Amino acid sequence: MEDLVKKLLYTGVGLVAATTEKVQTMVNDLVDKDKLKQEEGKRIVDDFIKSTENKKDEFEGKMKDLVESVVKKLNVVTREDVNGLSKRIEDLETELTKMTKAAAKAAKTTTTK
């Protein structure tokens, strides 16, 4: 599952990179042909990159929500679940150790009387 998500994200990044390069090439061609001023071309490319960054953040958020939704529906154990259980086990082991020591001390006191 994680592998699929990574592949989707890498594909998206690759598409954005290729598209950005294509936009840059087109704008450079227009500037070279004097159909567009260099400042205008730079502004177009900068606006495109800024828009792409915003969309990337939005896409990542949606992808994260989708993955969390799928994980929840599949009833998959999460790292958070495992960490919570590990903490509970540690607490129980600590309590058990205390109780065992107290019982051993009480038994020792009872046998010496």
PDB file of N, CA and C in Angstrom:
ATOM      1  N   MET A   1       0.829  -1.192   0.000  1.00  0.00           N
ATOM      2  CA  MET A   1       0.000   0.000   0.000  1.00  0.00           C
ATOM      3  C   MET A   1       0.875   1.258   0.000  1.00  0.00           C
ATOM      4  N   GLU A   2       1.857   1.245   0.916  1.00  0.00           N
ATOM      5  CA  GLU A   2       2.756   2.399   1.022  1.00  0.00           C
ATOM      6  C   GLU A   2       3.532   2.577  -0.281  1.00  0.00           C
ATOM      7  N   ASP A   3       3.899   1.444  -0.889  1.00  0.00           N
ATOM      8  CA  ASP A   3       4.635   1.473  -2.146  1.00  0.00           C
ATOM      9  C   ASP A   3       3.798   2.127  -3.248  1.00  0.00           C
ATOM     10  N   LEU A   4       2.522   1.805  -3.285  1.00  0.00           N
ATOM     11  CA  LEU A   4       1.617   2.380  -4.282  1.00  0.00           C
ATOM     12  C   LEU A   4       1.509   3.893  -4.104  1.00  0.00           C
ATOM     13  N   VAL A   5       1.378   4.327  -2.873  1.00  0.00           N
ATOM     14  CA  VAL A   5       1.271   5.767  -2.587  1.00  0.00           C
ATOM     15  C   VAL A   5       2.546   6.476  -3.024  1.00  0.00           C
ATOM     16  N   LYS A   6       3.703   5.880  -2.724  1.00  0.00           N
ATOM     17  CA  LYS A   6       4.979   6.483  -3.127  1.00  0.00           C
ATOM     18  C   LYS A   6       5.059   6.591  -4.644  1.00  0.00           C
ATOM     19  N   LYS A   7       4.650   5.538  -5.335  1.00  0.00           N
ATOM     20  CA  LYS A   7       4.688   5.561  -6.801  1.00  0.00           C
ATOM     21  C   LYS A   7       3.781   6.655  -7.352  1.00  0.00           C
ATOM     22  N   LEU A   8       2.595   6.793  -6.747  1.00  0.00           N
ATOM     23  CA  LEU A   8       1.675   7.847  -7.189  1.00  0.00           C
ATOM     24  C   LEU A   8       2.286   9.230  -6.984  1.00  0.00           C
ATOM     25  N   LEU A   9       2.892   9.435  -5.826  1.00  0.00           N
ATOM     26  CA  LEU A   9       3.502  10.732  -5.536  1.00  0.00           C
ATOM     27  C   LEU A   9       4.673  11.006  -6.475  1.00  0.00           C
ATOM     28  N   TYR A  10       5.520  10.002  -6.701  1.00  0.00           N
ATOM     29  CA  TYR A  10       6.660  10.190  -7.602  1.00  0.00           C
ATOM     30  C   TYR A  10       6.196  10.456  -9.030  1.00  0.00           C
ATOM     31  N   THR A  11       5.121   9.781  -9.431  1.00  0.00           N
ATOM     32  CA  THR A  11       4.577  10.024 -10.764  1.00  0.00           C
ATOM     33  C   THR A  11       4.076  11.459 -10.869  1.00  0.00           C
ATOM     34  N   GLY A  12       3.382  11.898  -9.836  1.00  0.00           N
ATOM     35  CA  GLY A  12       2.893  13.279  -9.811  1.00  0.00           C
ATOM     36  C   GLY A  12       4.023  14.283  -9.874  1.00  0.00           C
ATOM     37  N   VAL A  13       5.075  14.032  -9.120  1.00  0.00           N
ATOM     38  CA  VAL A  13       6.237  14.933  -9.122  1.00  0.00           C
ATOM     39  C   VAL A  13       6.883  14.943 -10.505  1.00  0.00           C
ATOM     40  N   GLY A  14       6.993  13.774 -11.121  1.00  0.00           N
ATOM     41  CA  GLY A  14       7.573  13.694 -12.458  1.00  0.00           C
ATOM     42  C   GLY A  14       6.752  14.450 -13.484  1.00  0.00           C
ATOM     43  N   LEU A  15       5.424  14.326 -13.397  1.00  0.00           N
ATOM     44  CA  LEU A  15       4.546  15.050 -14.308  1.00  0.00           C
ATOM     45  C   LEU A  15       4.684  16.557 -14.132  1.00  0.00           C
ATOM     46  N   VAL A  16       4.752  16.981 -12.893  1.00  0.00           N
ATOM     47  CA  VAL A  16       4.891  18.416 -12.622  1.00  0.00           C
ATOM     48  C   VAL A  16       6.219  18.925 -13.162  1.00  0.00           C
ATOM     49  N   ALA A  17       7.285  18.167 -12.945  1.00  0.00           N
ATOM     50  CA  ALA A  17       8.602  18.581 -13.430  1.00  0.00           C
ATOM     51  C   ALA A  17       8.615  18.677 -14.957  1.00  0.00           C
ATOM     52  N   ALA A  18       8.038  17.676 -15.612  1.00  0.00           N
ATOM     53  CA  ALA A  18       8.001  17.682 -17.069  1.00  0.00           C
ATOM     54  C   ALA A  18       7.155  18.843 -17.593  1.00  0.00           C
ATOM     55  N   THR A  19       6.028  19.085 -16.949  1.00  0.00           N
ATOM     56  CA  THR A  19       5.146  20.178 -17.363  1.00  0.00           C
ATOM     57  C   THR A  19       5.816  21.525 -17.148  1.00  0.00           C
ATOM     58  N   THR A  20       6.475  21.682 -16.020  1.00  0.00           N
ATOM     59  CA  THR A  20       7.182  22.938 -15.736  1.00  0.00           C
ATOM     60  C   THR A  20       8.263  23.182 -16.782  1.00  0.00           C
ATOM     61  N   GLU A  21       8.981  22.134 -17.127  1.00  0.00           N
ATOM     62  CA  GLU A  21      10.027  22.265 -18.148  1.00  0.00           C
ATOM     63  C   GLU A  21       9.414  22.654 -19.495  1.00  0.00           C
ATOM     64  N   LYS A  22       8.282  22.054 -19.836  1.00  0.00           N
ATOM     65  CA  LYS A  22       7.610  22.355 -21.103  1.00  0.00           C
ATOM     66  C   LYS A  22       7.130  23.814 -21.121  1.00  0.00           C
ATOM     67  N   VAL A  23       6.556  24.268 -20.004  1.00  0.00           N
ATOM     68  CA  VAL A  23       6.098  25.665 -19.912  1.00  0.00           C
ATOM     69  C   VAL A  23       7.286  26.603 -20.067  1.00  0.00           C
ATOM     70  N   GLN A  24       8.385  26.283 -19.391  1.00  0.00           N
ATOM     71  CA  GLN A  24       9.588  27.121 -19.470  1.00  0.00           C
ATOM     72  C   GLN A  24      10.088  27.187 -20.911  1.00  0.00           C
ATOM     73  N   THR A  25      10.098  26.065 -21.607  1.00  0.00           N
ATOM     74  CA  THR A  25      10.549  26.019 -23.000  1.00  0.00           C
ATOM     75  C   THR A  25       9.642  26.862 -23.893  1.00  0.00           C
ATOM     76  N   MET A  26       8.334  26.719 -23.711  1.00  0.00           N
ATOM     77  CA  MET A  26       7.386  27.488 -24.522  1.00  0.00           C
ATOM     78  C   MET A  26       7.547  28.987 -24.295  1.00  0.00           C
ATOM     79  N   VAL A  27       7.698  29.374 -23.037  1.00  0.00           N
ATOM     80  CA  VAL A  27       7.865  30.792 -22.714  1.00  0.00           C
ATOM     81  C   VAL A  27       9.177  31.304 -23.299  1.00  0.00           C
ATOM     82  N   ASN A  28      10.239  30.520 -23.195  1.00  0.00           N
ATOM     83  CA  ASN A  28      11.529  30.924 -23.770  1.00  0.00           C
ATOM     84  C   ASN A  28      11.414  31.107 -25.281  1.00  0.00           C
ATOM     85  N   ASP A  29      10.680  30.213 -25.944  1.00  0.00           N
ATOM     86  CA  ASP A  29      10.475  30.339 -27.391  1.00  0.00           C
ATOM     87  C   ASP A  29       9.730  31.632 -27.718  1.00  0.00           C
ATOM     88  N   LEU A  30       8.706  31.941 -26.933  1.00  0.00           N
ATOM     89  CA  LEU A  30       7.943  33.174 -27.166  1.00  0.00           C
ATOM     90  C   LEU A  30       8.810  34.412 -26.940  1.00  0.00           C
ATOM     91  N   VAL A  31       9.664  34.352 -25.934  1.00  0.00           N
ATOM     92  CA  VAL A  31      10.574  35.474 -25.666  1.00  0.00           C
ATOM     93  C   VAL A  31      11.572  35.608 -26.808  1.00  0.00           C
ATOM     94  N   ASP A  32      12.110  34.483 -27.263  1.00  0.00           N
ATOM     95  CA  ASP A  32      13.083  34.507 -28.370  1.00  0.00           C
ATOM     96  C   ASP A  32      12.465  35.066 -29.645  1.00  0.00           C
ATOM     97  N   LYS A  33      11.180  34.821 -29.852  1.00  0.00           N
ATOM     98  CA  LYS A  33      10.489  35.302 -31.062  1.00  0.00           C
ATOM     99  C   LYS A  33       9.917  36.710 -30.871  1.00  0.00           C
ATOM    100  N   ASP A  34      10.259  37.330 -29.753  1.00  0.00           N
ATOM    101  CA  ASP A  34       9.794  38.679 -29.416  1.00  0.00           C
ATOM    102  C   ASP A  34       8.264  38.784 -29.360  1.00  0.00           C
ATOM    103  N   LYS A  35       7.604  37.701 -29.043  1.00  0.00           N
ATOM    104  CA  LYS A  35       6.153  37.729 -28.875  1.00  0.00           C
ATOM    105  C   LYS A  35       5.787  37.943 -27.409  1.00  0.00           C
ATOM    106  N   LEU A  36       6.817  37.905 -26.570  1.00  0.00           N
ATOM    107  CA  LEU A  36       6.612  38.066 -25.141  1.00  0.00           C
ATOM    108  C   LEU A  36       7.864  38.702 -24.558  1.00  0.00           C
ATOM    109  N   LYS A  37       7.674  39.653 -23.651  1.00  0.00           N
ATOM    110  CA  LYS A  37       8.824  40.281 -23.005  1.00  0.00           C
ATOM    111  C   LYS A  37       9.374  39.320 -21.947  1.00  0.00           C
ATOM    112  N   GLN A  38      10.652  39.441 -21.693  1.00  0.00           N
ATOM    113  CA  GLN A  38      11.312  38.547 -20.745  1.00  0.00           C
ATOM    114  C   GLN A  38      10.670  38.628 -19.355  1.00  0.00           C
ATOM    115  N   GLU A  39      10.312  39.844 -18.918  1.00  0.00           N
ATOM    116  CA  GLU A  39       9.696  40.006 -17.599  1.00  0.00           C
ATOM    117  C   GLU A  39       8.350  39.281 -17.541  1.00  0.00           C
ATOM    118  N   GLU A  40       7.581  39.396 -18.635  1.00  0.00           N
ATOM    119  CA  GLU A  40       6.279  38.720 -18.693  1.00  0.00           C
ATOM    120  C   GLU A  40       6.469  37.205 -18.664  1.00  0.00           C
ATOM    121  N   GLY A  41       7.454  36.726 -19.402  1.00  0.00           N
ATOM    122  CA  GLY A  41       7.748  35.293 -19.416  1.00  0.00           C
ATOM    123  C   GLY A  41       8.136  34.788 -18.043  1.00  0.00           C
ATOM    124  N   LYS A  42       8.986  35.572 -17.376  1.00  0.00           N
ATOM    125  CA  LYS A  42       9.409  35.186 -16.025  1.00  0.00           C
ATOM    126  C   LYS A  42       8.210  35.162 -15.091  1.00  0.00           C
ATOM    127  N   ARG A  43       7.321  36.145 -15.206  1.00  0.00           N
ATOM    128  CA  ARG A  43       6.134  36.199 -14.361  1.00  0.00           C
ATOM    129  C   ARG A  43       5.225  34.995 -14.622  1.00  0.00           C
ATOM    130  N   ILE A  44       5.059  34.636 -15.890  1.00  0.00           N
ATOM    131  CA  ILE A  44       4.213  33.486 -16.233  1.00  0.00           C
ATOM    132  C   ILE A  44       4.773  32.206 -15.616  1.00  0.00           C
ATOM    133  N   VAL A  45       6.068  32.007 -15.777  1.00  0.00           N
ATOM    134  CA  VAL A  45       6.696  30.800 -15.228  1.00  0.00           C
ATOM    135  C   VAL A  45       6.619  30.809 -13.702  1.00  0.00           C
ATOM    136  N   ASP A  46       6.900  31.949 -13.078  1.00  0.00           N
ATOM    137  CA  ASP A  46       6.823  32.041 -11.618  1.00  0.00           C
ATOM    138  C   ASP A  46       5.407  31.771 -11.119  1.00  0.00           C
ATOM    139  N   ASP A  47       4.407  32.337 -11.797  1.00  0.00           N
ATOM    140  CA  ASP A  47       3.015  32.091 -11.416  1.00  0.00           C
ATOM    141  C   ASP A  47       2.661  30.617 -11.567  1.00  0.00           C
ATOM    142  N   PHE A  48       3.133  30.007 -12.645  1.00  0.00           N
ATOM    143  CA  PHE A  48       2.864  28.594 -12.865  1.00  0.00           C
ATOM    144  C   PHE A  48       3.478  27.743 -11.757  1.00  0.00           C
ATOM    145  N   ILE A  49       4.718  28.047 -11.412  1.00  0.00           N
ATOM    146  CA  ILE A  49       5.406  27.287 -10.357  1.00  0.00           C
ATOM    147  C   ILE A  49       4.701  27.475  -9.021  1.00  0.00           C
ATOM    148  N   LYS A  50       4.303  28.712  -8.728  1.00  0.00           N
ATOM    149  CA  LYS A  50       3.603  28.982  -7.463  1.00  0.00           C
ATOM    150  C   LYS A  50       2.281  28.219  -7.423  1.00  0.00           C
ATOM    151  N   SER A  51       1.543  28.242  -8.514  1.00  0.00           N
ATOM    152  CA  SER A  51       0.277  27.526  -8.600  1.00  0.00           C
ATOM    153  C   SER A  51       0.493  26.025  -8.433  1.00  0.00           C
ATOM    154  N   THR A  52       1.552  25.522  -9.050  1.00  0.00           N
ATOM    155  CA  THR A  52       1.870  24.101  -8.958  1.00  0.00           C
ATOM    156  C   THR A  52       2.195  23.714  -7.521  1.00  0.00           C
ATOM    157  N   GLU A  53       2.940  24.556  -6.827  1.00  0.00           N
ATOM    158  CA  GLU A  53       3.269  24.281  -5.420  1.00  0.00           C
ATOM    159  C   GLU A  53       1.997  24.213  -4.572  1.00  0.00           C
ATOM    160  N   ASN A  54       1.083  25.155  -4.799  1.00  0.00           N
ATOM    161  CA  ASN A  54      -0.177  25.153  -4.049  1.00  0.00           C
ATOM    162  C   ASN A  54      -0.966  23.880  -4.327  1.00  0.00           C
ATOM    163  N   LYS A  55      -1.021  23.490  -5.596  1.00  0.00           N
ATOM    164  CA  LYS A  55      -1.747  22.273  -5.970  1.00  0.00           C
ATOM    165  C   LYS A  55      -1.068  21.033  -5.383  1.00  0.00           C
ATOM    166  N   LYS A  56       0.260  21.051  -5.325  1.00  0.00           N
ATOM    167  CA  LYS A  56       1.005  19.927  -4.759  1.00  0.00           C
ATOM    168  C   LYS A  56       0.640  19.737  -3.290  1.00  0.00           C
ATOM    169  N   ASP A  57       0.613  20.841  -2.546  1.00  0.00           N
ATOM    170  CA  ASP A  57       0.247  20.770  -1.132  1.00  0.00           C
ATOM    171  C   ASP A  57      -1.179  20.251  -0.970  1.00  0.00           C
ATOM    172  N   GLU A  58      -2.067  20.742  -1.820  1.00  0.00           N
ATOM    173  CA  GLU A  58      -3.466  20.298  -1.781  1.00  0.00           C
ATOM    174  C   GLU A  58      -3.557  18.805  -2.112  1.00  0.00           C
ATOM    175  N   PHE A  59      -2.820  18.370  -3.120  1.00  0.00           N
ATOM    176  CA  PHE A  59      -2.821  16.965  -3.528  1.00  0.00           C
ATOM    177  C   PHE A  59      -2.285  16.076  -2.413  1.00  0.00           C
ATOM    178  N   GLU A  60      -1.193  16.496  -1.780  1.00  0.00           N
ATOM    179  CA  GLU A  60      -0.617  15.704  -0.696  1.00  0.00           C
ATOM    180  C   GLU A  60      -1.597  15.576   0.463  1.00  0.00           C
ATOM    181  N   GLY A  61      -2.305  16.645   0.786  1.00  0.00           N
ATOM    182  CA  GLY A  61      -3.295  16.599   1.849  1.00  0.00           C
ATOM    183  C   GLY A  61      -4.424  15.634   1.518  1.00  0.00           C
ATOM    184  N   LYS A  62      -4.907  15.698   0.277  1.00  0.00           N
ATOM    185  CA  LYS A  62      -5.979  14.790  -0.136  1.00  0.00           C
ATOM    186  C   LYS A  62      -5.494  13.342  -0.138  1.00  0.00           C
ATOM    187  N   MET A  63      -4.258  13.131  -0.585  1.00  0.00           N
ATOM    188  CA  MET A  63      -3.700  11.786  -0.619  1.00  0.00           C
ATOM    189  C   MET A  63      -3.563  11.230   0.796  1.00  0.00           C
ATOM    190  N   LYS A  64      -3.124  12.064   1.716  1.00  0.00           N
ATOM    191  CA  LYS A  64      -2.980  11.636   3.112  1.00  0.00           C
ATOM    192  C   LYS A  64      -4.348  11.256   3.683  1.00  0.00           C
ATOM    193  N   ASP A  65      -5.356  12.089   3.430  1.00  0.00           N
ATOM    194  CA  ASP A  65      -6.706  11.791   3.902  1.00  0.00           C
ATOM    195  C   ASP A  65      -7.222  10.488   3.306  1.00  0.00           C
ATOM    196  N   LEU A  66      -6.948  10.276   2.024  1.00  0.00           N
ATOM    197  CA  LEU A  66      -7.393   9.057   1.351  1.00  0.00           C
ATOM    198  C   LEU A  66      -6.736   7.828   1.967  1.00  0.00           C
ATOM    199  N   VAL A  67      -5.438   7.885   2.190  1.00  0.00           N
ATOM    200  CA  VAL A  67      -4.718   6.757   2.776  1.00  0.00           C
ATOM    201  C   VAL A  67      -5.236   6.466   4.182  1.00  0.00           C
ATOM    202  N   GLU A  68      -5.431   7.510   4.977  1.00  0.00           N
ATOM    203  CA  GLU A  68      -5.947   7.319   6.331  1.00  0.00           C
ATOM    204  C   GLU A  68      -7.340   6.692   6.299  1.00  0.00           C
ATOM    205  N   SER A  69      -8.151   7.117   5.352  1.00  0.00           N
ATOM    206  CA  SER A  69      -9.493   6.568   5.210  1.00  0.00           C
ATOM    207  C   SER A  69      -9.444   5.087   4.838  1.00  0.00           C
ATOM    208  N   VAL A  70      -8.583   4.742   3.906  1.00  0.00           N
ATOM    209  CA  VAL A  70      -8.454   3.345   3.482  1.00  0.00           C
ATOM    210  C   VAL A  70      -7.941   2.490   4.630  1.00  0.00           C
ATOM    211  N   VAL A  71      -6.933   2.976   5.332  1.00  0.00           N
ATOM    212  CA  VAL A  71      -6.377   2.235   6.464  1.00  0.00           C
ATOM    213  C   VAL A  71      -7.453   1.996   7.518  1.00  0.00           C
ATOM    214  N   LYS A  72      -8.258   3.014   7.771  1.00  0.00           N
ATOM    215  CA  LYS A  72      -9.319   2.891   8.769  1.00  0.00           C
ATOM    216  C   LYS A  72     -10.373   1.873   8.317  1.00  0.00           C
ATOM    217  N   LYS A  73     -10.755   1.919   7.049  1.00  0.00           N
ATOM    218  CA  LYS A  73     -11.755   0.987   6.526  1.00  0.00           C
ATOM    219  C   LYS A  73     -11.246  -0.451   6.517  1.00  0.00           C
ATOM    220  N   LEU A  74      -9.955  -0.626   6.250  1.00  0.00           N
ATOM    221  CA  LEU A  74      -9.385  -1.965   6.219  1.00  0.00           C
ATOM    222  C   LEU A  74      -9.086  -2.490   7.617  1.00  0.00           C
ATOM    223  N   ASN A  75      -9.260  -1.629   8.605  1.00  0.00           N
ATOM    224  CA  ASN A  75      -9.026  -1.991   9.998  1.00  0.00           C
ATOM    225  C   ASN A  75      -7.578  -2.443  10.215  1.00  0.00           C
ATOM    226  N   VAL A  76      -6.646  -1.730   9.598  1.00  0.00           N
ATOM    227  CA  VAL A  76      -5.225  -2.036   9.696  1.00  0.00           C
ATOM    228  C   VAL A  76      -4.662  -1.397  10.966  1.00  0.00           C
ATOM    229  N   VAL A  77      -3.780  -2.126  11.619  1.00  0.00           N
ATOM    230  CA  VAL A  77      -3.140  -1.607  12.822  1.00  0.00           C
ATOM    231  C   VAL A  77      -2.123  -0.552  12.408  1.00  0.00           C
ATOM    232  N   THR A  78      -2.184   0.589  13.070  1.00  0.00           N
ATOM    233  CA  THR A  78      -1.257   1.674  12.752  1.00  0.00           C
ATOM    234  C   THR A  78      -0.095   1.688  13.741  1.00  0.00           C
ATOM    235  N   ARG A  79       0.939   2.431  13.384  1.00  0.00           N
ATOM    236  CA  ARG A  79       2.089   2.574  14.278  1.00  0.00           C
ATOM    237  C   ARG A  79       1.645   3.180  15.612  1.00  0.00           C
ATOM    238  N   GLU A  80       0.703   4.088  15.540  1.00  0.00           N
ATOM    239  CA  GLU A  80       0.175   4.719  16.759  1.00  0.00           C
ATOM    240  C   GLU A  80      -0.476   3.665  17.662  1.00  0.00           C
ATOM    241  N   ASP A  81      -1.227   2.745  17.050  1.00  0.00           N
ATOM    242  CA  ASP A  81      -1.854   1.665  17.820  1.00  0.00           C
ATOM    243  C   ASP A  81      -0.797   0.800  18.503  1.00  0.00           C
ATOM    244  N   VAL A  82       0.236   0.435  17.745  1.00  0.00           N
ATOM    245  CA  VAL A  82       1.305  -0.415  18.285  1.00  0.00           C
ATOM    246  C   VAL A  82       2.035   0.310  19.407  1.00  0.00           C
ATOM    247  N   ASN A  83       2.332   1.580  19.214  1.00  0.00           N
ATOM    248  CA  ASN A  83       3.021   2.349  20.260  1.00  0.00           C
ATOM    249  C   ASN A  83       2.171   2.437  21.526  1.00  0.00           C
ATOM    250  N   GLY A  84       0.863   2.630  21.362  1.00  0.00           N
ATOM    251  CA  GLY A  84      -0.028   2.686  22.520  1.00  0.00           C
ATOM    252  C   GLY A  84      -0.042   1.370  23.274  1.00  0.00           C
ATOM    253  N   LEU A  85      -0.108   0.268  22.540  1.00  0.00           N
ATOM    254  CA  LEU A  85      -0.098  -1.047  23.183  1.00  0.00           C
ATOM    255  C   LEU A  85       1.243  -1.324  23.856  1.00  0.00           C
ATOM    256  N   SER A  86       2.331  -0.918  23.218  1.00  0.00           N
ATOM    257  CA  SER A  86       3.659  -1.097  23.824  1.00  0.00           C
ATOM    258  C   SER A  86       3.747  -0.353  25.152  1.00  0.00           C
ATOM    259  N   LYS A  87       3.218   0.844  25.183  1.00  0.00           N
ATOM    260  CA  LYS A  87       3.223   1.644  26.421  1.00  0.00           C
ATOM    261  C   LYS A  87       2.405   0.955  27.508  1.00  0.00           C
ATOM    262  N   ARG A  88       1.235   0.445  27.124  1.00  0.00           N
ATOM    263  CA  ARG A  88       0.388  -0.259  28.101  1.00  0.00           C
ATOM    264  C   ARG A  88       1.092  -1.504  28.640  1.00  0.00           C
ATOM    265  N   ILE A  89       1.784  -2.238  27.772  1.00  0.00           N
ATOM    266  CA  ILE A  89       2.507  -3.435  28.203  1.00  0.00           C
ATOM    267  C   ILE A  89       3.617  -3.060  29.172  1.00  0.00           C
ATOM    268  N   GLU A  90       4.359  -2.011  28.860  1.00  0.00           N
ATOM    269  CA  GLU A  90       5.425  -1.552  29.764  1.00  0.00           C
ATOM    270  C   GLU A  90       4.856  -1.185  31.132  1.00  0.00           C
ATOM    271  N   ASP A  91       3.732  -0.470  31.130  1.00  0.00           N
ATOM    272  CA  ASP A  91       3.101  -0.080  32.391  1.00  0.00           C
ATOM    273  C   ASP A  91       2.669  -1.312  33.185  1.00  0.00           C
ATOM    274  N   LEU A  92       2.082  -2.287  32.500  1.00  0.00           N
ATOM    275  CA  LEU A  92       1.642  -3.514  33.168  1.00  0.00           C
ATOM    276  C   LEU A  92       2.828  -4.314  33.702  1.00  0.00           C
ATOM    277  N   GLU A  93       3.921  -4.370  32.942  1.00  0.00           N
ATOM    278  CA  GLU A  93       5.116  -5.067  33.407  1.00  0.00           C
ATOM    279  C   GLU A  93       5.694  -4.402  34.649  1.00  0.00           C
ATOM    280  N   THR A  94       5.696  -3.093  34.651  1.00  0.00           N
ATOM    281  CA  THR A  94       6.185  -2.355  35.813  1.00  0.00           C
ATOM    282  C   THR A  94       5.318  -2.653  37.031  1.00  0.00           C
ATOM    283  N   GLU A  95       4.009  -2.622  36.838  1.00  0.00           N
ATOM    284  CA  GLU A  95       3.075  -2.905  37.935  1.00  0.00           C
ATOM    285  C   GLU A  95       3.226  -4.346  38.420  1.00  0.00           C
ATOM    286  N   LEU A  96       3.397  -5.276  37.489  1.00  0.00           N
ATOM    287  CA  LEU A  96       3.563  -6.682  37.849  1.00  0.00           C
ATOM    288  C   LEU A  96       4.846  -6.891  38.648  1.00  0.00           C
ATOM    289  N   THR A  97       5.904  -6.214  38.247  1.00  0.00           N
ATOM    290  CA  THR A  97       7.178  -6.309  38.969  1.00  0.00           C
ATOM    291  C   THR A  97       7.011  -5.800  40.396  1.00  0.00           C
ATOM    292  N   LYS A  98       6.319  -4.683  40.545  1.00  0.00           N
ATOM    293  CA  LYS A  98       6.077  -4.128  41.887  1.00  0.00           C
ATOM    294  C   LYS A  98       5.270  -5.103  42.731  1.00  0.00           C
ATOM    295  N   MET A  99       4.239  -5.680  42.145  1.00  0.00           N
ATOM    296  CA  MET A  99       3.378  -6.617  42.878  1.00  0.00           C
ATOM    297  C   MET A  99       4.139  -7.888  43.253  1.00  0.00           C
ATOM    298  N   THR A 100       4.986  -8.365  42.348  1.00  0.00           N
ATOM    299  CA  THR A 100       5.778  -9.573  42.620  1.00  0.00           C
ATOM    300  C   THR A 100       6.753  -9.328  43.757  1.00  0.00           C
ATOM    301  N   LYS A 101       7.401  -8.167  43.724  1.00  0.00           N
ATOM    302  CA  LYS A 101       8.337  -7.831  44.796  1.00  0.00           C
ATOM    303  C   LYS A 101       7.603  -7.699  46.126  1.00  0.00           C
ATOM    304  N   ALA A 102       6.428  -7.061  46.114  1.00  0.00           N
ATOM    305  CA  ALA A 102       5.650  -6.902  47.341  1.00  0.00           C
ATOM    306  C   ALA A 102       5.196  -8.261  47.865  1.00  0.00           C
ATOM    307  N   ALA A 103       4.769  -9.160  46.987  1.00  0.00           N
ATOM    308  CA  ALA A 103       4.328 -10.498  47.394  1.00  0.00           C
ATOM    309  C   ALA A 103       5.498 -11.295  47.957  1.00  0.00           C
ATOM    310  N   ALA A 104       6.665 -11.182  47.331  1.00  0.00           N
ATOM    311  CA  ALA A 104       7.848 -11.895  47.809  1.00  0.00           C
ATOM    312  C   ALA A 104       8.256 -11.374  49.175  1.00  0.00           C
ATOM    313  N   LYS A 105       8.171 -10.070  49.352  1.00  0.00           N
ATOM    314  CA  LYS A 105       8.522  -9.465  50.647  1.00  0.00           C
ATOM    315  C   LYS A 105       7.540  -9.916  51.722  1.00  0.00           C
ATOM    316  N   ALA A 106       6.252  -9.954  51.373  1.00  0.00           N
ATOM    317  CA  ALA A 106       5.224 -10.395  52.328  1.00  0.00           C
ATOM    318  C   ALA A 106       5.417 -11.868  52.670  1.00  0.00           C
ATOM    319  N   ALA A 107       5.755 -12.688  51.706  1.00  0.00           N
ATOM    320  CA  ALA A 107       5.975 -14.118  51.964  1.00  0.00           C
ATOM    321  C   ALA A 107       7.192 -14.330  52.831  1.00  0.00           C
ATOM    322  N   LYS A 108       8.226 -13.548  52.609  1.00  0.00           N
ATOM    323  CA  LYS A 108       9.447 -13.654  53.397  1.00  0.00           C
ATOM    324  C   LYS A 108       9.176 -13.249  54.833  1.00  0.00           C
ATOM    325  N   THR A 109       8.366 -12.190  54.994  1.00  0.00           N
ATOM    326  CA  THR A 109       8.020 -11.717  56.344  1.00  0.00           C
ATOM    327  C   THR A 109       7.185 -12.774  57.046  1.00  0.00           C
ATOM    328  N   THR A 110       6.265 -13.402  56.379  1.00  0.00           N
ATOM    329  CA  THR A 110       5.376 -14.407  56.955  1.00  0.00           C
ATOM    330  C   THR A 110       6.175 -15.664  57.359  1.00  0.00           C
ATOM    331  N   THR A 111       7.136 -16.080  56.593  1.00  0.00           N
ATOM    332  CA  THR A 111       7.911 -17.298  56.883  1.00  0.00           C
ATOM    333  C   THR A 111       8.926 -17.087  57.998  1.00  0.00           C
ATOM    334  N   THR A 112       9.357 -15.877  58.223  1.00  0.00           N
ATOM    335  CA  THR A 112      10.334 -15.598  59.283  1.00  0.00           C
ATOM    336  C   THR A 112       9.679 -15.422  60.635  1.00  0.00           C
ATOM    337  N   LYS A 113       8.380 -15.273  60.669  1.00  0.00           N
ATOM    338  CA  LYS A 113       7.693 -15.072  61.952  1.00  0.00           C
ATOM    339  C   LYS A 113       7.494 -16.336  62.655  1.00  0.00           C
TER     340      LYS A 113
END
